[in-house]
Amino acid sequence: MSLSRTLFCAAVCAASSISYSYADTVWLKNGDRLTGEVTLLDGGKLMIKTEYGGSIPVDWGKVATLETDKELLVKNGDHPGSGEVTKTLGKADEGKVVLHNGAEPQTVELASISQIMRPRPLVQDFLWKGNVDVALDYKRADTDTDDYNVKFMTEARHGLWRHNGNLDYNRESTDTVTTTDNYTLGYALDRFITEQWFWQGRADYKRDKIEDVAKQRTLGTGPGYQFWDNELGAFSLTGLVNQNKYEFSNGEASNFYSVAGKWKYNRFLVGKTFEFFTNGELGRPLDNTADYSLDAEAGLRYKVTDWASLNMRAERDLVKGGSDGELDETRYLIGFGVGW
């Protein structure tokens, strides 16, 4: 558990070290007023980050008007500039807001606005985000079982470069006999060519102390496409050509090439209260040692606070037509997480 405690403390310290400026104001129809930072409108919920209560979801139908001096991306179905960045939002009569998006300010109905989010330009000085999920299962009965999983994922963006790192550790034991003991390390570097297209190079390493395949090393490269990456989530696809090396517990080794497609998707729902995510890779060896392989996960996070969450996810490992036998494993995990 020392690893999870270390990651937990690091994430908390990182989250607590971030400072925000709170200069936005939201007026409600009942006469109340909230001061903070408007970060998102989605699913009928306006998120405002406050110094006194963290991120507070407000029913969009209860908002009278609002103002902010920050640039925001406003999607307004009745406005010809729908989906464009507005310089500021200004206070107006109840049920309306003033969009300062050009020479002539325009007053629009709040009911016509479907989404508000902070714009994310291609070039950023520095952007860092990540998540640590921990799942534990201890059972004491006729058969004692201890299962735990630690999953760490992080992403750092600087200019046209994006760094992606991950760590996945699994350990399971039954009556003090270890049945699963492995970890996976991964790193990928993306170089953006346009706002959507990028080129990726990646390296993965897996160490397993129980299974016959003791070590797996993968080097790959290929193009990718970023469909979107904003306050509501992100979605990207990547195609790779990989060079793989397997080392077996008996000392033998195997080298082969493969092609693979990767996906990475997450979407925040109900004003960032929930997050749906799925990541995975579908590959095929070029030497026909297997028909195809699938390594995928999908899950849901419930945000308890700005940085803490409860999560549940399913993981699927599948190898069809393998010369050394087929693999078909599915795991279901429930745990807690820390995000920043």
C-alpha atoms as a PDB file:
ATOM      1  CA  MET A   1       0.000   0.000   0.000  1.00  0.00           C
ATOM      2  CA  SER A   2       3.012   2.310   0.230  1.00  0.00           C
ATOM      3  CA  LEU A   3       2.831   3.054  -3.505  1.00  0.00           C
ATOM      4  CA  SER A   4      -0.828   4.116  -3.372  1.00  0.00           C
ATOM      5  CA  ARG A   5      -0.200   6.272  -0.304  1.00  0.00           C
ATOM      6  CA  THR A   6       2.688   7.996  -2.059  1.00  0.00           C
ATOM      7  CA  LEU A   7       0.639   8.677  -5.196  1.00  0.00           C
ATOM      8  CA  PHE A   8      -2.310   9.829  -3.095  1.00  0.00           C
ATOM      9  CA  CYS A   9      -0.169  12.347  -1.165  1.00  0.00           C
ATOM     10  CA  ALA A  10       1.520  13.585  -4.342  1.00  0.00           C
ATOM     11  CA  ALA A  11      -1.826  14.193  -6.033  1.00  0.00           C
ATOM     12  CA  VAL A  12      -3.251  16.001  -2.997  1.00  0.00           C
ATOM     13  CA  CYS A  13      -0.192  18.235  -2.771  1.00  0.00           C
ATOM     14  CA  ALA A  14      -0.393  18.979  -6.499  1.00  0.00           C
ATOM     15  CA  ALA A  15      -4.076  19.843  -6.250  1.00  0.00           C
ATOM     16  CA  SER A  16      -3.604  22.015  -3.187  1.00  0.00           C
ATOM     17  CA  SER A  17      -0.756  23.939  -4.785  1.00  0.00           C
ATOM     18  CA  ILE A  18      -2.933  25.265  -7.630  1.00  0.00           C
ATOM     19  CA  SER A  19      -4.184  28.811  -7.118  1.00  0.00           C
ATOM     20  CA  TYR A  20      -7.269  30.246  -8.775  1.00  0.00           C
ATOM     21  CA  SER A  21      -8.575  33.755  -9.269  1.00  0.00           C
ATOM     22  CA  TYR A  22     -12.250  34.197  -8.482  1.00  0.00           C
ATOM     23  CA  ALA A  23     -13.740  37.181 -10.305  1.00  0.00           C
ATOM     24  CA  ASP A  24     -16.994  35.886 -11.841  1.00  0.00           C
ATOM     25  CA  THR A  25     -20.475  36.499 -10.473  1.00  0.00           C
ATOM     26  CA  VAL A  26     -23.695  34.507 -10.919  1.00  0.00           C
ATOM     27  CA  TRP A  27     -27.047  35.996  -9.895  1.00  0.00           C
ATOM     28  CA  LEU A  28     -29.851  33.563  -9.123  1.00  0.00           C
ATOM     29  CA  LYS A  29     -33.564  34.150  -9.622  1.00  0.00           C
ATOM     30  CA  ASN A  30     -34.205  33.895  -5.862  1.00  0.00           C
ATOM     31  CA  GLY A  31     -31.940  36.894  -5.247  1.00  0.00           C
ATOM     32  CA  ASP A  32     -28.817  34.990  -4.128  1.00  0.00           C
ATOM     33  CA  ARG A  33     -25.448  35.752  -5.641  1.00  0.00           C
ATOM     34  CA  LEU A  34     -22.432  33.458  -6.076  1.00  0.00           C
ATOM     35  CA  THR A  35     -18.892  34.690  -6.621  1.00  0.00           C
ATOM     36  CA  GLY A  36     -16.222  32.404  -8.012  1.00  0.00           C
ATOM     37  CA  GLU A  37     -14.949  31.145 -11.361  1.00  0.00           C
ATOM     38  CA  VAL A  38     -17.379  29.966 -14.023  1.00  0.00           C
ATOM     39  CA  THR A  39     -15.821  26.827 -15.534  1.00  0.00           C
ATOM     40  CA  LEU A  40     -18.520  24.894 -17.362  1.00  0.00           C
ATOM     41  CA  LEU A  41     -22.161  24.688 -18.444  1.00  0.00           C
ATOM     42  CA  ASP A  42     -23.300  21.260 -19.577  1.00  0.00           C
ATOM     43  CA  GLY A  43     -26.314  19.059 -19.046  1.00  0.00           C
ATOM     44  CA  GLY A  44     -28.285  21.934 -17.522  1.00  0.00           C
ATOM     45  CA  LYS A  45     -25.704  22.469 -14.759  1.00  0.00           C
ATOM     46  CA  LEU A  46     -23.481  25.548 -14.403  1.00  0.00           C
ATOM     47  CA  MET A  47     -20.262  24.802 -12.528  1.00  0.00           C
ATOM     48  CA  ILE A  48     -18.780  27.637 -10.500  1.00  0.00           C
ATOM     49  CA  LYS A  49     -15.567  27.131  -8.522  1.00  0.00           C
ATOM     50  CA  THR A  50     -15.656  28.972  -5.185  1.00  0.00           C
ATOM     51  CA  GLU A  51     -13.114  29.575  -2.429  1.00  0.00           C
ATOM     52  CA  TYR A  52     -15.612  28.581   0.233  1.00  0.00           C
ATOM     53  CA  GLY A  53     -17.238  25.451  -1.216  1.00  0.00           C
ATOM     54  CA  GLY A  54     -15.152  24.117  -4.097  1.00  0.00           C
ATOM     55  CA  SER A  55     -17.010  23.518  -7.376  1.00  0.00           C
ATOM     56  CA  ILE A  56     -20.755  24.080  -6.967  1.00  0.00           C
ATOM     57  CA  PRO A  57     -23.268  22.862  -9.601  1.00  0.00           C
ATOM     58  CA  VAL A  58     -26.116  25.316 -10.162  1.00  0.00           C
ATOM     59  CA  ASP A  59     -29.315  24.518 -12.053  1.00  0.00           C
ATOM     60  CA  TRP A  60     -29.117  26.595 -15.241  1.00  0.00           C
ATOM     61  CA  GLY A  61     -32.830  27.279 -15.041  1.00  0.00           C
ATOM     62  CA  LYS A  62     -32.318  29.019 -11.664  1.00  0.00           C
ATOM     63  CA  VAL A  63     -29.736  31.486 -13.033  1.00  0.00           C
ATOM     64  CA  ALA A  64     -30.961  35.050 -13.592  1.00  0.00           C
ATOM     65  CA  THR A  65     -27.782  36.388 -15.242  1.00  0.00           C
ATOM     66  CA  LEU A  66     -24.018  36.286 -14.866  1.00  0.00           C
ATOM     67  CA  GLU A  67     -20.805  38.106 -15.683  1.00  0.00           C
ATOM     68  CA  THR A  68     -17.189  37.097 -16.208  1.00  0.00           C
ATOM     69  CA  ASP A  69     -14.078  38.836 -17.496  1.00  0.00           C
ATOM     70  CA  LYS A  70     -12.538  35.639 -18.893  1.00  0.00           C
ATOM     71  CA  GLU A  71     -12.682  34.192 -22.387  1.00  0.00           C
ATOM     72  CA  LEU A  72     -15.263  31.417 -22.683  1.00  0.00           C
ATOM     73  CA  LEU A  73     -16.524  29.228 -25.506  1.00  0.00           C
ATOM     74  CA  VAL A  74     -20.284  29.769 -25.673  1.00  0.00           C
ATOM     75  CA  LYS A  75     -22.546  27.543 -27.763  1.00  0.00           C
ATOM     76  CA  ASN A  76     -25.704  29.503 -28.478  1.00  0.00           C
ATOM     77  CA  GLY A  77     -28.168  28.055 -30.968  1.00  0.00           C
ATOM     78  CA  ASP A  78     -29.845  31.426 -31.644  1.00  0.00           C
ATOM     79  CA  HIS A  79     -26.606  33.331 -32.088  1.00  0.00           C
ATOM     80  CA  PRO A  80     -24.838  33.422 -35.491  1.00  0.00           C
ATOM     81  CA  GLY A  81     -21.484  33.132 -33.750  1.00  0.00           C
ATOM     82  CA  SER A  82     -22.449  29.836 -32.102  1.00  0.00           C
ATOM     83  CA  GLY A  83     -19.463  27.947 -30.737  1.00  0.00           C
ATOM     84  CA  GLU A  84     -17.110  30.925 -30.898  1.00  0.00           C
ATOM     85  CA  VAL A  85     -14.997  32.335 -28.099  1.00  0.00           C
ATOM     86  CA  THR A  86     -16.553  35.324 -26.370  1.00  0.00           C
ATOM     87  CA  LYS A  87     -14.236  37.808 -24.683  1.00  0.00           C
ATOM     88  CA  THR A  88     -16.491  38.467 -21.683  1.00  0.00           C
ATOM     89  CA  LEU A  89     -20.027  37.888 -20.445  1.00  0.00           C
ATOM     90  CA  GLY A  90     -21.888  40.882 -19.068  1.00  0.00           C
ATOM     91  CA  LYS A  91     -24.786  41.234 -16.651  1.00  0.00           C
ATOM     92  CA  ALA A  92     -28.199  41.821 -18.223  1.00  0.00           C
ATOM     93  CA  ASP A  93     -31.879  41.649 -17.335  1.00  0.00           C
ATOM     94  CA  GLU A  94     -33.190  38.466 -15.754  1.00  0.00           C
ATOM     95  CA  GLY A  95     -32.948  35.511 -18.107  1.00  0.00           C
ATOM     96  CA  LYS A  96     -30.411  37.216 -20.378  1.00  0.00           C
ATOM     97  CA  VAL A  97     -26.665  37.825 -20.704  1.00  0.00           C
ATOM     98  CA  VAL A  98     -24.519  40.145 -22.824  1.00  0.00           C
ATOM     99  CA  LEU A  99     -21.961  38.497 -25.154  1.00  0.00           C
ATOM    100  CA  HIS A 100     -18.909  40.635 -25.893  1.00  0.00           C
ATOM    101  CA  ASN A 101     -17.646  38.807 -28.961  1.00  0.00           C
ATOM    102  CA  GLY A 102     -16.862  41.667 -31.292  1.00  0.00           C
ATOM    103  CA  ALA A 103     -17.432  45.340 -31.871  1.00  0.00           C
ATOM    104  CA  GLU A 104     -21.150  45.158 -31.041  1.00  0.00           C
ATOM    105  CA  PRO A 105     -22.176  43.491 -27.732  1.00  0.00           C
ATOM    106  CA  GLN A 106     -25.189  41.234 -28.150  1.00  0.00           C
ATOM    107  CA  THR A 107     -27.811  40.326 -25.575  1.00  0.00           C
ATOM    108  CA  VAL A 108     -29.081  36.743 -25.750  1.00  0.00           C
ATOM    109  CA  GLU A 109     -31.482  34.576 -23.781  1.00  0.00           C
ATOM    110  CA  LEU A 110     -29.892  32.247 -21.237  1.00  0.00           C
ATOM    111  CA  ALA A 111     -32.303  29.526 -22.374  1.00  0.00           C
ATOM    112  CA  SER A 112     -30.687  29.580 -25.846  1.00  0.00           C
ATOM    113  CA  ILE A 113     -27.218  28.772 -24.464  1.00  0.00           C
ATOM    114  CA  SER A 114     -26.533  25.026 -24.343  1.00  0.00           C
ATOM    115  CA  GLN A 115     -22.873  24.940 -23.319  1.00  0.00           C
ATOM    116  CA  ILE A 116     -20.209  27.150 -21.806  1.00  0.00           C
ATOM    117  CA  MET A 117     -16.621  26.027 -21.374  1.00  0.00           C
ATOM    118  CA  ARG A 118     -13.139  27.433 -21.141  1.00  0.00           C
ATOM    119  CA  PRO A 119     -11.396  27.413 -24.542  1.00  0.00           C
ATOM    120  CA  ARG A 120      -8.318  25.247 -24.885  1.00  0.00           C
ATOM    121  CA  PRO A 121      -5.988  26.553 -27.626  1.00  0.00           C
ATOM    122  CA  LEU A 122      -3.468  24.350 -29.394  1.00  0.00           C
ATOM    123  CA  VAL A 123      -0.434  25.893 -27.701  1.00  0.00           C
ATOM    124  CA  GLN A 124      -0.353  25.909 -23.913  1.00  0.00           C
ATOM    125  CA  ASP A 125       2.523  27.018 -21.707  1.00  0.00           C
ATOM    126  CA  PHE A 126       1.917  23.948 -19.544  1.00  0.00           C
ATOM    127  CA  LEU A 127      -1.056  21.756 -18.762  1.00  0.00           C
ATOM    128  CA  TRP A 128      -0.907  18.766 -16.414  1.00  0.00           C
ATOM    129  CA  LYS A 129      -3.711  16.403 -15.435  1.00  0.00           C
ATOM    130  CA  GLY A 130      -3.997  12.869 -14.171  1.00  0.00           C
ATOM    131  CA  ASN A 131      -5.801  10.337 -12.028  1.00  0.00           C
ATOM    132  CA  VAL A 132      -4.946   7.612  -9.516  1.00  0.00           C
ATOM    133  CA  ASP A 133      -7.500   4.828  -8.995  1.00  0.00           C
ATOM    134  CA  VAL A 134      -7.147   2.276  -6.201  1.00  0.00           C
ATOM    135  CA  ALA A 135      -9.293  -0.863  -5.894  1.00  0.00           C
ATOM    136  CA  LEU A 136      -9.091  -3.168  -2.856  1.00  0.00           C
ATOM    137  CA  ASP A 137     -10.810  -6.443  -1.996  1.00  0.00           C
ATOM    138  CA  TYR A 138     -10.066  -8.270   1.256  1.00  0.00           C
ATOM    139  CA  LYS A 139     -12.060 -11.381   2.114  1.00  0.00           C
ATOM    140  CA  ARG A 140     -11.708 -13.441   5.286  1.00  0.00           C
ATOM    141  CA  ALA A 141     -13.615 -16.745   5.235  1.00  0.00           C
ATOM    142  CA  ASP A 142     -12.820 -20.415   4.599  1.00  0.00           C
ATOM    143  CA  THR A 143     -10.590 -19.076   1.836  1.00  0.00           C
ATOM    144  CA  ASP A 144      -8.778 -15.786   2.487  1.00  0.00           C
ATOM    145  CA  THR A 145      -8.265 -13.537  -0.540  1.00  0.00           C
ATOM    146  CA  ASP A 146      -6.364 -10.270  -0.878  1.00  0.00           C
ATOM    147  CA  ASP A 147      -6.758  -8.404  -4.171  1.00  0.00           C
ATOM    148  CA  TYR A 148      -5.672  -4.910  -4.992  1.00  0.00           C
ATOM    149  CA  ASN A 149      -5.031  -2.783  -8.036  1.00  0.00           C
ATOM    150  CA  VAL A 150      -3.382   0.618  -8.419  1.00  0.00           C
ATOM    151  CA  LYS A 151      -3.802   2.467 -11.704  1.00  0.00           C
ATOM    152  CA  PHE A 152      -2.028   5.761 -12.391  1.00  0.00           C
ATOM    153  CA  MET A 153      -2.518   7.818 -15.554  1.00  0.00           C
ATOM    154  CA  THR A 154      -1.167  11.280 -16.287  1.00  0.00           C
ATOM    155  CA  GLU A 155      -0.911  13.671 -19.201  1.00  0.00           C
ATOM    156  CA  ALA A 156       1.264  16.774 -19.585  1.00  0.00           C
ATOM    157  CA  ARG A 157       0.965  19.219 -22.485  1.00  0.00           C
ATOM    158  CA  HIS A 158       3.592  21.792 -23.456  1.00  0.00           C
ATOM    159  CA  GLY A 159       3.261  23.619 -26.737  1.00  0.00           C
ATOM    160  CA  LEU A 160       2.912  21.092 -29.562  1.00  0.00           C
ATOM    161  CA  TRP A 161       4.108  18.203 -27.378  1.00  0.00           C
ATOM    162  CA  ARG A 162       1.999  15.932 -25.201  1.00  0.00           C
ATOM    163  CA  HIS A 163       3.397  13.399 -22.742  1.00  0.00           C
ATOM    164  CA  ASN A 164       1.277  10.426 -21.634  1.00  0.00           C
ATOM    165  CA  GLY A 165       2.313   8.125 -18.794  1.00  0.00           C
ATOM    166  CA  ASN A 166       0.645   5.192 -17.053  1.00  0.00           C
ATOM    167  CA  LEU A 167       1.330   2.630 -14.346  1.00  0.00           C
ATOM    168  CA  ASP A 168      -0.886  -0.378 -13.585  1.00  0.00           C
ATOM    169  CA  TYR A 169      -0.098  -2.713 -10.675  1.00  0.00           C
ATOM    170  CA  ASN A 170      -2.076  -5.871  -9.824  1.00  0.00           C
ATOM    171  CA  ARG A 171      -1.620  -8.332  -6.999  1.00  0.00           C
ATOM    172  CA  GLU A 172      -3.951 -11.151  -5.925  1.00  0.00           C
ATOM    173  CA  SER A 173      -3.403 -13.869  -3.346  1.00  0.00           C
ATOM    174  CA  THR A 174      -5.456 -16.755  -1.970  1.00  0.00           C
ATOM    175  CA  ASP A 175      -4.561 -18.211   1.443  1.00  0.00           C
ATOM    176  CA  THR A 176      -1.150 -16.467   1.289  1.00  0.00           C
ATOM    177  CA  VAL A 177      -0.459 -18.001  -2.154  1.00  0.00           C
ATOM    178  CA  THR A 178       0.132 -15.282  -4.757  1.00  0.00           C
ATOM    179  CA  THR A 179      -1.880 -15.942  -7.916  1.00  0.00           C
ATOM    180  CA  THR A 180      -1.338 -12.599  -9.699  1.00  0.00           C
ATOM    181  CA  ASP A 181       1.643 -10.274  -9.430  1.00  0.00           C
ATOM    182  CA  ASN A 182       2.386  -7.932 -12.330  1.00  0.00           C
ATOM    183  CA  TYR A 183       2.880  -4.309 -13.266  1.00  0.00           C
ATOM    184  CA  THR A 184       2.808  -2.370 -16.530  1.00  0.00           C
ATOM    185  CA  LEU A 185       4.655   0.858 -17.345  1.00  0.00           C
ATOM    186  CA  GLY A 186       3.813   2.932 -20.390  1.00  0.00           C
ATOM    187  CA  TYR A 187       4.948   6.190 -21.962  1.00  0.00           C
ATOM    188  CA  ALA A 188       3.803   7.880 -25.162  1.00  0.00           C
ATOM    189  CA  LEU A 189       4.976  11.128 -26.739  1.00  0.00           C
ATOM    190  CA  ASP A 190       2.680  12.994 -29.150  1.00  0.00           C
ATOM    191  CA  ARG A 191       3.865  15.712 -31.523  1.00  0.00           C
ATOM    192  CA  PHE A 192       0.952  17.746 -32.908  1.00  0.00           C
ATOM    193  CA  ILE A 193       1.176  18.585 -36.599  1.00  0.00           C
ATOM    194  CA  THR A 194      -2.167  20.414 -36.743  1.00  0.00           C
ATOM    195  CA  GLU A 195      -4.825  21.052 -34.120  1.00  0.00           C
ATOM    196  CA  GLN A 196      -6.118  17.496 -34.643  1.00  0.00           C
ATOM    197  CA  TRP A 197      -3.376  15.411 -36.270  1.00  0.00           C
ATOM    198  CA  PHE A 198      -0.385  14.214 -34.277  1.00  0.00           C
ATOM    199  CA  TRP A 199       2.392  11.630 -34.505  1.00  0.00           C
ATOM    200  CA  GLN A 200       2.965   9.293 -31.575  1.00  0.00           C
ATOM    201  CA  GLY A 201       5.910   7.263 -30.359  1.00  0.00           C
ATOM    202  CA  ARG A 202       5.318   4.880 -27.487  1.00  0.00           C
ATOM    203  CA  ALA A 203       7.134   2.407 -25.241  1.00  0.00           C
ATOM    204  CA  ASP A 204       5.486  -0.161 -22.931  1.00  0.00           C
ATOM    205  CA  TYR A 205       6.947  -2.647 -20.484  1.00  0.00           C
ATOM    206  CA  LYS A 206       5.143  -5.373 -18.531  1.00  0.00           C
ATOM    207  CA  ARG A 207       6.661  -7.565 -15.825  1.00  0.00           C
ATOM    208  CA  ASP A 208       4.780 -10.641 -14.621  1.00  0.00           C
ATOM    209  CA  LYS A 209       6.135 -12.814 -11.814  1.00  0.00           C
ATOM    210  CA  ILE A 210       3.499 -15.542 -12.177  1.00  0.00           C
ATOM    211  CA  GLU A 211       2.615 -16.148 -15.837  1.00  0.00           C
ATOM    212  CA  ASP A 212       4.804 -17.871 -18.447  1.00  0.00           C
ATOM    213  CA  VAL A 213       5.369 -14.588 -20.318  1.00  0.00           C
ATOM    214  CA  ALA A 214       7.623 -12.929 -17.751  1.00  0.00           C
ATOM    215  CA  LYS A 215       8.478  -9.738 -19.667  1.00  0.00           C
ATOM    216  CA  GLN A 216       6.861  -7.860 -22.525  1.00  0.00           C
ATOM    217  CA  ARG A 217       8.468  -4.918 -24.296  1.00  0.00           C
ATOM    218  CA  THR A 218       6.740  -2.894 -27.003  1.00  0.00           C
ATOM    219  CA  LEU A 219       8.011   0.000 -29.124  1.00  0.00           C
ATOM    220  CA  GLY A 220       5.610   1.616 -31.558  1.00  0.00           C
ATOM    221  CA  THR A 221       4.997   4.652 -33.729  1.00  0.00           C
ATOM    222  CA  GLY A 222       2.200   5.979 -35.902  1.00  0.00           C
ATOM    223  CA  PRO A 223      -0.295   8.770 -36.635  1.00  0.00           C
ATOM    224  CA  GLY A 224      -3.169   9.867 -34.427  1.00  0.00           C
ATOM    225  CA  TYR A 225      -6.196  12.130 -34.641  1.00  0.00           C
ATOM    226  CA  GLN A 226      -7.609  14.211 -31.765  1.00  0.00           C
ATOM    227  CA  PHE A 227     -11.337  14.674 -32.360  1.00  0.00           C
ATOM    228  CA  TRP A 228     -11.714  17.009 -29.366  1.00  0.00           C
ATOM    229  CA  ASP A 229     -10.028  17.922 -26.094  1.00  0.00           C
ATOM    230  CA  ASN A 230     -11.864  20.412 -23.896  1.00  0.00           C
ATOM    231  CA  GLU A 231     -13.535  20.886 -20.511  1.00  0.00           C
ATOM    232  CA  LEU A 232     -16.104  18.196 -21.334  1.00  0.00           C
ATOM    233  CA  GLY A 233     -13.550  15.507 -22.140  1.00  0.00           C
ATOM    234  CA  ALA A 234     -11.413  14.197 -24.977  1.00  0.00           C
ATOM    235  CA  PHE A 235     -11.425  11.599 -27.743  1.00  0.00           C
ATOM    236  CA  SER A 236      -8.483  10.415 -29.857  1.00  0.00           C
ATOM    237  CA  LEU A 237      -7.602   7.491 -32.137  1.00  0.00           C
ATOM    238  CA  THR A 238      -4.068   6.306 -32.922  1.00  0.00           C
ATOM    239  CA  GLY A 239      -2.741   3.773 -35.429  1.00  0.00           C
ATOM    240  CA  LEU A 240       0.592   2.112 -34.599  1.00  0.00           C
ATOM    241  CA  VAL A 241       3.192  -0.234 -36.013  1.00  0.00           C
ATOM    242  CA  ASN A 242       4.852  -2.048 -33.096  1.00  0.00           C
ATOM    243  CA  GLN A 243       7.994  -4.062 -32.486  1.00  0.00           C
ATOM    244  CA  ASN A 244       7.339  -6.566 -29.685  1.00  0.00           C
ATOM    245  CA  LYS A 245       9.649  -8.725 -27.591  1.00  0.00           C
ATOM    246  CA  TYR A 246       8.409 -11.428 -25.208  1.00  0.00           C
ATOM    247  CA  GLU A 247      10.671 -13.120 -22.681  1.00  0.00           C
ATOM    248  CA  PHE A 248       9.387 -16.335 -21.104  1.00  0.00           C
ATOM    249  CA  SER A 249      10.010 -17.681 -17.620  1.00  0.00           C
ATOM    250  CA  ASN A 250      11.995 -20.609 -19.098  1.00  0.00           C
ATOM    251  CA  GLY A 251      14.509 -18.228 -20.674  1.00  0.00           C
ATOM    252  CA  GLU A 252      13.186 -18.331 -24.234  1.00  0.00           C
ATOM    253  CA  ALA A 253      12.335 -15.165 -26.160  1.00  0.00           C
ATOM    254  CA  SER A 254      10.148 -14.181 -29.095  1.00  0.00           C
ATOM    255  CA  ASN A 255      10.291 -11.112 -31.362  1.00  0.00           C
ATOM    256  CA  PHE A 256       7.543 -10.059 -33.752  1.00  0.00           C
ATOM    257  CA  TYR A 257       5.874  -7.042 -35.349  1.00  0.00           C
ATOM    258  CA  SER A 258       2.252  -6.036 -35.031  1.00  0.00           C
ATOM    259  CA  VAL A 259      -0.216  -3.336 -36.035  1.00  0.00           C
ATOM    260  CA  ALA A 260      -2.658  -1.825 -33.570  1.00  0.00           C
ATOM    261  CA  GLY A 261      -5.326   0.780 -33.120  1.00  0.00           C
ATOM    262  CA  LYS A 262      -5.678   2.678 -29.826  1.00  0.00           C
ATOM    263  CA  TRP A 263      -8.537   4.761 -28.517  1.00  0.00           C
ATOM    264  CA  LYS A 264      -8.811   7.109 -25.567  1.00  0.00           C
ATOM    265  CA  TYR A 265     -12.154   8.653 -24.612  1.00  0.00           C
ATOM    266  CA  ASN A 266     -13.621  10.425 -21.602  1.00  0.00           C
ATOM    267  CA  ARG A 267     -16.767  12.510 -21.191  1.00  0.00           C
ATOM    268  CA  PHE A 268     -17.941  14.504 -18.169  1.00  0.00           C
ATOM    269  CA  LEU A 269     -21.662  14.430 -17.414  1.00  0.00           C
ATOM    270  CA  VAL A 270     -24.100  16.392 -15.210  1.00  0.00           C
ATOM    271  CA  GLY A 271     -21.798  19.350 -14.695  1.00  0.00           C
ATOM    272  CA  LYS A 272     -18.678  17.213 -14.162  1.00  0.00           C
ATOM    273  CA  THR A 273     -20.320  15.178 -11.406  1.00  0.00           C
ATOM    274  CA  PHE A 274     -19.830  11.964 -13.392  1.00  0.00           C
ATOM    275  CA  GLU A 275     -17.127  10.933 -15.844  1.00  0.00           C
ATOM    276  CA  PHE A 276     -17.433   8.081 -18.334  1.00  0.00           C
ATOM    277  CA  PHE A 277     -14.137   6.807 -19.732  1.00  0.00           C
ATOM    278  CA  THR A 278     -12.829   4.037 -21.947  1.00  0.00           C
ATOM    279  CA  ASN A 279      -9.323   3.268 -23.210  1.00  0.00           C
ATOM    280  CA  GLY A 280      -7.978   0.351 -25.132  1.00  0.00           C
ATOM    281  CA  GLU A 281      -5.958  -1.187 -27.915  1.00  0.00           C
ATOM    282  CA  LEU A 282      -6.911  -3.665 -30.648  1.00  0.00           C
ATOM    283  CA  GLY A 283      -3.911  -5.332 -32.312  1.00  0.00           C
ATOM    284  CA  ARG A 284      -2.889  -8.048 -34.741  1.00  0.00           C
ATOM    285  CA  PRO A 285       0.547  -9.731 -34.993  1.00  0.00           C
ATOM    286  CA  LEU A 286       2.025  -9.685 -38.495  1.00  0.00           C
ATOM    287  CA  ASP A 287       3.463 -13.219 -38.151  1.00  0.00           C
ATOM    288  CA  ASN A 288      -0.012 -14.744 -37.586  1.00  0.00           C
ATOM    289  CA  THR A 289       0.844 -16.047 -34.099  1.00  0.00           C
ATOM    290  CA  ALA A 290      -2.667 -14.865 -33.154  1.00  0.00           C
ATOM    291  CA  ASP A 291      -5.775 -13.640 -34.947  1.00  0.00           C
ATOM    292  CA  TYR A 292      -6.054 -10.512 -32.819  1.00  0.00           C
ATOM    293  CA  SER A 293      -5.672  -9.194 -29.272  1.00  0.00           C
ATOM    294  CA  LEU A 294      -7.762  -6.761 -27.245  1.00  0.00           C
ATOM    295  CA  ASP A 295      -6.785  -4.865 -24.113  1.00  0.00           C
ATOM    296  CA  ALA A 296      -9.584  -2.523 -23.041  1.00  0.00           C
ATOM    297  CA  GLU A 297     -11.242  -0.879 -20.075  1.00  0.00           C
ATOM    298  CA  ALA A 298     -14.403   1.132 -19.494  1.00  0.00           C
ATOM    299  CA  GLY A 299     -15.712   2.729 -16.336  1.00  0.00           C
ATOM    300  CA  LEU A 300     -17.514   5.497 -14.511  1.00  0.00           C
ATOM    301  CA  ARG A 301     -16.239   7.954 -11.899  1.00  0.00           C
ATOM    302  CA  TYR A 302     -18.414   9.843  -9.433  1.00  0.00           C
ATOM    303  CA  LYS A 303     -16.794  13.058  -8.204  1.00  0.00           C
ATOM    304  CA  VAL A 304     -17.169  13.343  -4.438  1.00  0.00           C
ATOM    305  CA  THR A 305     -15.034  16.520  -4.298  1.00  0.00           C
ATOM    306  CA  ASP A 306     -12.938  18.472  -6.819  1.00  0.00           C
ATOM    307  CA  TRP A 307     -10.153  15.908  -6.460  1.00  0.00           C
ATOM    308  CA  ALA A 308     -11.659  12.747  -4.903  1.00  0.00           C
ATOM    309  CA  SER A 309     -13.888  10.235  -6.680  1.00  0.00           C
ATOM    310  CA  LEU A 310     -15.477   6.822  -6.423  1.00  0.00           C
ATOM    311  CA  ASN A 311     -15.051   4.632  -9.464  1.00  0.00           C
ATOM    312  CA  MET A 312     -16.072   1.348 -10.988  1.00  0.00           C
ATOM    313  CA  ARG A 313     -14.606  -0.147 -14.134  1.00  0.00           C
ATOM    314  CA  ALA A 314     -14.383  -3.303 -16.207  1.00  0.00           C
ATOM    315  CA  GLU A 315     -11.173  -4.556 -17.835  1.00  0.00           C
ATOM    316  CA  ARG A 316     -11.006  -7.049 -20.712  1.00  0.00           C
ATOM    317  CA  ASP A 317      -7.952  -8.996 -21.935  1.00  0.00           C
ATOM    318  CA  LEU A 318      -8.556 -11.114 -25.012  1.00  0.00           C
ATOM    319  CA  VAL A 319      -6.271 -13.071 -27.371  1.00  0.00           C
ATOM    320  CA  LYS A 320      -7.972 -15.048 -30.153  1.00  0.00           C
ATOM    321  CA  GLY A 321      -6.253 -17.755 -32.171  1.00  0.00           C
ATOM    322  CA  GLY A 322      -3.027 -17.644 -30.181  1.00  0.00           C
ATOM    323  CA  SER A 323      -0.473 -20.360 -30.966  1.00  0.00           C
ATOM    324  CA  ASP A 324       0.194 -20.711 -27.212  1.00  0.00           C
ATOM    325  CA  GLY A 325      -3.505 -20.834 -26.325  1.00  0.00           C
ATOM    326  CA  GLU A 326      -6.298 -18.291 -26.188  1.00  0.00           C
ATOM    327  CA  LEU A 327      -6.885 -15.767 -23.406  1.00  0.00           C
ATOM    328  CA  ASP A 328     -10.214 -14.329 -22.312  1.00  0.00           C
ATOM    329  CA  GLU A 329     -10.282 -12.525 -18.956  1.00  0.00           C
ATOM    330  CA  THR A 330     -12.665  -9.897 -17.598  1.00  0.00           C
ATOM    331  CA  ARG A 331     -12.208  -8.076 -14.288  1.00  0.00           C
ATOM    332  CA  TYR A 332     -14.614  -5.791 -12.456  1.00  0.00           C
ATOM    333  CA  LEU A 333     -13.172  -3.293  -9.970  1.00  0.00           C
ATOM    334  CA  ILE A 334     -14.651  -0.779  -7.539  1.00  0.00           C
ATOM    335  CA  GLY A 335     -12.505   1.686  -5.619  1.00  0.00           C
ATOM    336  CA  PHE A 336     -11.611   5.300  -4.955  1.00  0.00           C
ATOM    337  CA  GLY A 337      -9.484   7.761  -6.863  1.00  0.00           C
ATOM    338  CA  VAL A 338      -7.666  11.078  -6.792  1.00  0.00           C
ATOM    339  CA  GLY A 339      -7.609  13.429  -9.779  1.00  0.00           C
ATOM    340  CA  TRP A 340      -6.030  16.745 -10.685  1.00  0.00           C
END
